[in-house]
Protein backbone atom coordinates (compact mmCIF):
# COMPACT_ATOMS: atom_id res chain seq x y z
CA UNK A 1 -9.16 -47.62 -16.63
CA UNK A 2 -11.61 -44.95 -17.77
CA UNK A 3 -12.67 -44.22 -14.20
CA UNK A 4 -9.00 -43.73 -13.23
CA UNK A 5 -8.60 -41.11 -15.97
CA UNK A 6 -11.78 -39.34 -14.85
CA UNK A 7 -10.67 -39.31 -11.21
CA UNK A 8 -7.19 -38.07 -12.17
CA UNK A 9 -8.76 -35.30 -14.27
CA UNK A 10 -11.07 -34.31 -11.41
CA UNK A 11 -8.15 -34.19 -8.95
CA UNK A 12 -6.14 -32.05 -11.39
CA UNK A 13 -9.09 -29.67 -11.85
CA UNK A 14 -9.52 -29.33 -8.09
CA UNK A 15 -5.80 -28.67 -7.65
CA UNK A 16 -5.86 -25.95 -10.32
CA UNK A 17 -8.96 -24.35 -8.78
CA UNK A 18 -7.43 -24.42 -5.30
CA UNK A 19 -4.20 -22.91 -6.57
CA UNK A 20 -6.06 -20.12 -8.37
CA UNK A 21 -8.15 -19.45 -5.26
CA UNK A 22 -5.07 -19.14 -3.07
CA UNK A 23 -3.45 -16.76 -5.58
CA UNK A 24 -6.58 -14.59 -5.67
CA UNK A 25 -6.86 -14.42 -1.90
CA UNK A 26 -3.17 -13.57 -1.65
CA UNK A 27 -3.52 -10.76 -4.22
CA UNK A 28 -6.53 -9.29 -2.43
CA UNK A 29 -4.72 -9.50 0.91
CA UNK A 30 -1.65 -7.74 -0.50
CA UNK A 31 -3.76 -4.99 -2.07
CA UNK A 32 -5.57 -4.43 1.24
CA UNK A 33 -2.27 -4.38 3.13
CA UNK A 34 -0.88 -1.85 0.67
CA UNK A 35 -3.93 0.43 0.95
CA UNK A 36 -3.98 0.23 4.74
CA UNK A 37 -0.26 0.98 4.86
CA UNK A 38 -0.70 3.94 2.52
CA UNK A 39 -3.57 5.32 4.61
CA UNK A 40 -1.66 5.04 7.88
CA UNK A 41 1.55 6.44 6.37
CA UNK A 42 -0.31 9.45 4.95
CA UNK A 43 -1.94 10.10 8.34
CA UNK A 44 1.44 9.89 10.09
CA UNK A 45 3.00 12.25 7.53
CA UNK A 46 0.16 14.78 7.81
CA UNK A 47 0.38 14.74 11.61
CA UNK A 48 4.14 15.26 11.54
CA UNK A 49 3.80 17.99 8.91
CA UNK A 50 1.27 19.84 11.02
CA UNK A 51 3.67 19.83 13.97
CA UNK A 52 6.56 21.08 11.87
CA UNK A 53 4.52 23.80 10.18
CA UNK A 54 3.22 24.97 13.57
CA UNK A 55 6.87 25.53 14.53
CA UNK A 56 7.47 27.30 11.20
CA UNK A 57 9.86 24.57 10.04
CA UNK A 58 10.06 22.78 6.69
CA UNK A 59 7.88 19.71 7.01
CA UNK A 60 8.81 17.31 4.21
CA UNK A 61 11.85 15.60 5.77
CA UNK A 62 10.28 14.88 9.15
CA UNK A 63 6.85 14.07 7.72
CA UNK A 64 8.13 11.68 5.06
CA UNK A 65 10.43 10.04 7.60
CA UNK A 66 7.37 9.37 9.77
CA UNK A 67 5.53 8.02 6.72
CA UNK A 68 8.41 5.62 5.99
CA UNK A 69 8.55 4.36 9.57
CA UNK A 70 4.79 3.81 9.66
CA UNK A 71 4.84 2.07 6.30
CA UNK A 72 7.63 -0.27 7.41
CA UNK A 73 5.59 -1.29 10.45
CA UNK A 74 2.81 -2.26 8.03
CA UNK A 75 5.09 -4.29 5.72
CA UNK A 76 5.02 -1.79 2.84
CA UNK A 77 7.61 0.69 1.52
CA UNK A 78 7.16 4.35 0.69
CA UNK A 79 7.91 5.05 -2.96
CA UNK A 80 6.61 8.62 -3.01
CA UNK A 81 5.90 11.29 -0.42
CA UNK A 82 4.85 14.90 -0.85
CA UNK A 83 3.72 17.53 1.63
CA UNK A 84 2.01 20.69 0.41
CA UNK A 85 2.29 24.10 2.05
CA UNK A 86 -0.88 23.46 4.07
CA UNK A 87 0.40 20.20 5.57
CA UNK A 88 -1.54 17.83 3.34
CA UNK A 89 0.36 14.62 2.67
CA UNK A 90 0.25 12.41 -0.41
CA UNK A 91 2.01 9.10 0.14
CA UNK A 92 2.50 6.21 -2.30
CA UNK A 93 3.56 2.79 -1.06
CA UNK A 94 4.42 -0.56 -2.61
CA UNK A 95 3.83 -4.06 -1.29
CA UNK A 96 5.36 -7.20 -2.77
CA UNK A 97 3.46 -10.31 -3.70
CA UNK A 98 5.37 -13.44 -4.71
CA UNK A 99 4.42 -14.18 -8.30
CA UNK A 100 4.47 -17.31 -10.39
CA UNK A 101 7.73 -18.83 -11.58
CA UNK A 102 9.74 -17.11 -8.85
CA UNK A 103 8.79 -13.57 -9.86
CA UNK A 104 7.47 -10.79 -7.67
CA UNK A 105 4.41 -8.65 -8.31
CA UNK A 106 4.47 -5.12 -6.90
CA UNK A 107 1.18 -3.62 -5.68
CA UNK A 108 1.19 0.20 -5.48
CA UNK A 109 -1.36 2.30 -3.58
CA UNK A 110 -1.60 6.04 -2.83
CA UNK A 111 -3.36 7.88 -0.01
CA UNK A 112 -3.84 11.48 1.01
CA UNK A 113 -4.35 12.99 4.45
CA UNK A 114 -4.30 16.37 6.07
CA UNK A 115 -6.44 19.34 6.88
CA UNK A 116 -9.58 19.76 4.81
CA UNK A 117 -11.27 22.97 3.91
CA UNK A 118 -7.97 24.78 3.38
CA UNK A 119 -8.16 27.02 0.36
CA UNK A 120 -5.20 27.75 -1.79
CA UNK A 121 -4.54 31.44 -2.27
CA UNK A 122 -4.28 32.45 -5.88
CA UNK A 123 -2.38 35.51 -6.90
């Protein structure tokens, strides 16, 4: 009887460890997906902004639309998008991770892209 209890305890411990390992791997995967999606969305926004600014057009609508489309292709959603006057994009995205007890955990990441070495003019 004692050996049955020990085996049952060992099986329960292994099941808990395996479950925790799967949850950790899933969280790391979601965080990486969110960061990759943010990076690619920011690059897409900066590229679109550069094209719009070259045509002397406002860039934010087209650039942020491109960011949203790119994010969607990477299974994340844009929750913030800003384009400065030099065409630099800052994009924040969220990715969902199923949580325990039927909840959802939201992972948020931000990325920036655009021309470097551009100096702001101060008045």
